Amino acid sequence: MKPNLERIPGKQDRLAEAILARAPRRMDQGFISSLDPSASLALGRYGVRLATLALRQDSPGLLRRSLLATGLAGCLEPGDVRDLMTGLALPWIVAQQLGASPATVFADVADSLPDGPVAKLFKTFGARTDITLEAFGWELVATASGPDFRPLY
């Protein structure tokens, strides 16, 4: 399987960036309702791509944007919580790699999301201490452009 930046197209990154640019610091359900549910895919892909870029650029700011995009995608299209957790493993590992506390980073982003199941998941997932890439079906790979993540399956 190809690494994330190679297999996940960035064609809709601008849409995700525009949504994040107009997002209030503390989002509510009204903001979520103002978004087209189809934006969930763009936000989800952007979140995954940004986790890798945050690692490559040693950027806590990109990591936070990765989590915000992922959180918004989860709010727009609630799905299986296990799928969301699989995706959250990447920013959790990146936070650790950047020397940040995953619990603090995730809680900060959760406080920006609307109250509800996604914000609650971010707080509980961020506070976990048992996260490994392998346990969530990922591996870290070296590419010519820098580190990236690749699904194991």
Protein backbone atom coordinates (compact mmCIF):
# COMPACT_ATOMS: atom_id res chain seq x y z
CA MET A 1 0.00 0.00 0.00
CA LYS A 2 1.23 3.51 -0.82
CA PRO A 3 2.06 6.10 1.88
CA ASN A 4 -0.67 8.62 2.76
CA LEU A 5 0.60 11.64 0.83
CA GLU A 6 0.96 9.52 -2.28
CA ARG A 7 -2.39 7.73 -2.03
CA ILE A 8 -4.63 10.50 -0.69
CA PRO A 9 -5.30 13.24 -3.23
CA GLY A 10 -4.98 16.84 -2.09
CA LYS A 11 -7.39 18.15 -4.72
CA GLN A 12 -9.84 19.40 -2.10
CA ASP A 13 -7.27 20.83 0.33
CA ARG A 14 -8.34 24.37 -0.59
CA LEU A 15 -11.94 23.62 0.39
CA ALA A 16 -10.81 22.26 3.75
CA GLU A 17 -8.53 25.27 4.28
CA ALA A 18 -11.37 27.68 3.47
CA ILE A 19 -13.65 25.95 5.99
CA LEU A 20 -11.00 26.07 8.71
CA ALA A 21 -10.29 29.73 7.91
CA ARG A 22 -13.88 30.70 8.66
CA ALA A 23 -14.34 28.40 11.64
CA PRO A 24 -14.83 30.23 14.92
CA ARG A 25 -12.44 29.47 17.78
CA ARG A 26 -15.33 27.72 19.56
CA MET A 27 -17.56 25.98 17.05
CA ASP A 28 -21.18 25.21 17.72
CA GLN A 29 -23.80 23.09 16.00
CA GLY A 30 -24.90 26.13 14.00
CA PHE A 31 -21.49 26.30 12.34
CA ILE A 32 -21.54 22.57 11.64
CA SER A 33 -25.03 22.87 10.14
CA SER A 34 -23.80 25.67 7.85
CA LEU A 35 -21.40 23.24 6.16
CA ASP A 36 -22.27 20.96 3.27
CA PRO A 37 -22.01 17.37 4.54
CA SER A 38 -20.03 16.50 1.40
CA ALA A 39 -17.18 18.63 2.82
CA SER A 40 -16.55 15.81 5.29
CA LEU A 41 -14.44 13.92 2.75
CA ALA A 42 -12.27 16.96 1.99
CA LEU A 43 -11.79 17.69 5.70
CA GLY A 44 -11.01 14.06 6.53
CA ARG A 45 -8.43 13.73 3.77
CA TYR A 46 -6.89 17.07 4.68
CA GLY A 47 -6.63 15.99 8.32
CA VAL A 48 -4.75 12.82 7.41
CA ARG A 49 -2.43 14.62 5.00
CA LEU A 50 -1.66 17.36 7.54
CA ALA A 51 -0.65 14.84 10.21
CA THR A 52 2.21 13.76 7.95
CA LEU A 53 3.13 17.34 7.08
CA ALA A 54 3.13 18.29 10.77
CA LEU A 55 5.63 15.51 11.42
CA ARG A 56 7.81 16.47 8.46
CA GLN A 57 7.82 20.16 9.36
CA ASP A 58 7.95 19.68 13.14
CA SER A 59 4.86 21.90 13.32
CA PRO A 60 2.42 21.91 16.26
CA GLY A 61 0.28 24.37 14.27
CA LEU A 62 -0.19 21.92 11.41
CA LEU A 63 -0.92 19.18 13.92
CA ARG A 64 -3.70 21.28 15.47
CA ARG A 65 -5.16 21.99 12.00
CA SER A 66 -5.00 18.26 11.25
CA LEU A 67 -7.04 17.51 14.35
CA LEU A 68 -9.53 20.33 13.70
CA ALA A 69 -10.14 19.07 10.16
CA THR A 70 -10.54 15.50 11.40
CA GLY A 71 -12.89 16.62 14.17
CA LEU A 72 -15.06 18.64 11.80
CA ALA A 73 -15.23 15.69 9.41
CA GLY A 74 -16.41 13.52 12.30
CA CYS A 75 -19.04 16.07 13.31
CA LEU A 76 -20.34 16.35 9.73
CA GLU A 77 -20.51 12.64 9.01
CA PRO A 78 -20.79 10.67 12.22
CA GLY A 79 -19.69 7.17 11.49
CA ASP A 80 -18.14 4.25 13.27
CA VAL A 81 -16.11 5.57 16.19
CA ARG A 82 -13.50 2.88 15.53
CA ASP A 83 -12.78 4.38 12.11
CA LEU A 84 -12.32 7.81 13.67
CA MET A 85 -9.99 6.38 16.31
CA THR A 86 -7.90 4.70 13.60
CA GLY A 87 -7.36 8.10 12.03
CA LEU A 88 -6.70 9.79 15.39
CA ALA A 89 -3.79 7.45 16.06
CA LEU A 90 -1.67 9.38 13.54
CA PRO A 91 -1.94 12.83 15.18
CA TRP A 92 -1.56 11.17 18.60
CA ILE A 93 1.78 9.70 17.50
CA VAL A 94 2.79 12.95 15.80
CA ALA A 95 2.07 14.92 18.98
CA GLN A 96 4.32 12.54 20.87
CA GLN A 97 7.03 12.80 18.18
CA LEU A 98 6.87 16.61 18.42
CA GLY A 99 7.41 16.43 22.18
CA ALA A 100 3.87 17.56 22.97
CA SER A 101 1.42 15.90 25.31
CA PRO A 102 -1.22 14.16 23.18
CA ALA A 103 -3.72 14.66 26.02
CA THR A 104 -3.14 18.43 26.02
CA VAL A 105 -3.22 18.79 22.22
CA PHE A 106 -6.38 16.71 21.83
CA ALA A 107 -8.14 18.45 24.74
CA ASP A 108 -7.32 21.86 23.26
CA VAL A 109 -8.85 20.89 19.93
CA ALA A 110 -11.82 19.22 21.64
CA ASP A 111 -12.55 22.53 23.34
CA SER A 112 -12.89 24.11 19.86
CA LEU A 113 -15.36 21.49 18.64
CA PRO A 114 -19.09 21.51 19.41
CA ASP A 115 -20.06 19.68 22.58
CA GLY A 116 -20.93 16.12 21.73
CA PRO A 117 -19.52 12.70 20.97
CA VAL A 118 -16.59 13.83 18.79
CA ALA A 119 -15.29 16.33 21.36
CA LYS A 120 -15.69 13.71 24.09
CA LEU A 121 -13.82 11.12 21.99
CA PHE A 122 -10.97 13.57 21.38
CA LYS A 123 -10.54 14.12 25.12
CA THR A 124 -10.63 10.44 26.03
CA PHE A 125 -8.49 9.32 23.09
CA GLY A 126 -5.89 12.01 23.68
CA ALA A 127 -5.56 10.96 27.32
CA ARG A 128 -4.83 7.34 26.43
CA THR A 129 -1.34 6.00 26.99
CA ASP A 130 -1.59 2.78 24.97
CA ILE A 131 -1.59 4.16 21.42
CA THR A 132 0.79 2.56 18.93
CA LEU A 133 0.75 2.74 15.16
CA GLU A 134 0.67 -1.02 14.80
CA ALA A 135 -2.31 -1.41 17.15
CA PHE A 136 -4.30 0.96 14.92
CA GLY A 137 -3.16 -0.53 11.60
CA TRP A 138 -0.42 1.94 10.61
CA GLU A 139 3.30 2.02 10.07
CA LEU A 140 5.76 4.88 9.76
CA VAL A 141 7.74 4.72 6.52
CA ALA A 142 10.64 6.69 5.09
CA THR A 143 10.00 8.18 1.66
CA ALA A 144 12.18 10.34 -0.57
CA SER A 145 10.18 13.37 0.63
CA GLY A 146 10.38 12.50 4.33
CA PRO A 147 8.48 10.38 6.84
CA ASP A 148 4.95 9.29 6.04
CA PHE A 149 2.37 6.83 7.30
CA ARG A 150 1.04 3.80 5.50
CA PRO A 151 -1.88 1.54 6.38
CA LEU A 152 -0.85 -2.00 7.23
CA TYR A 153 -3.93 -3.49 5.57
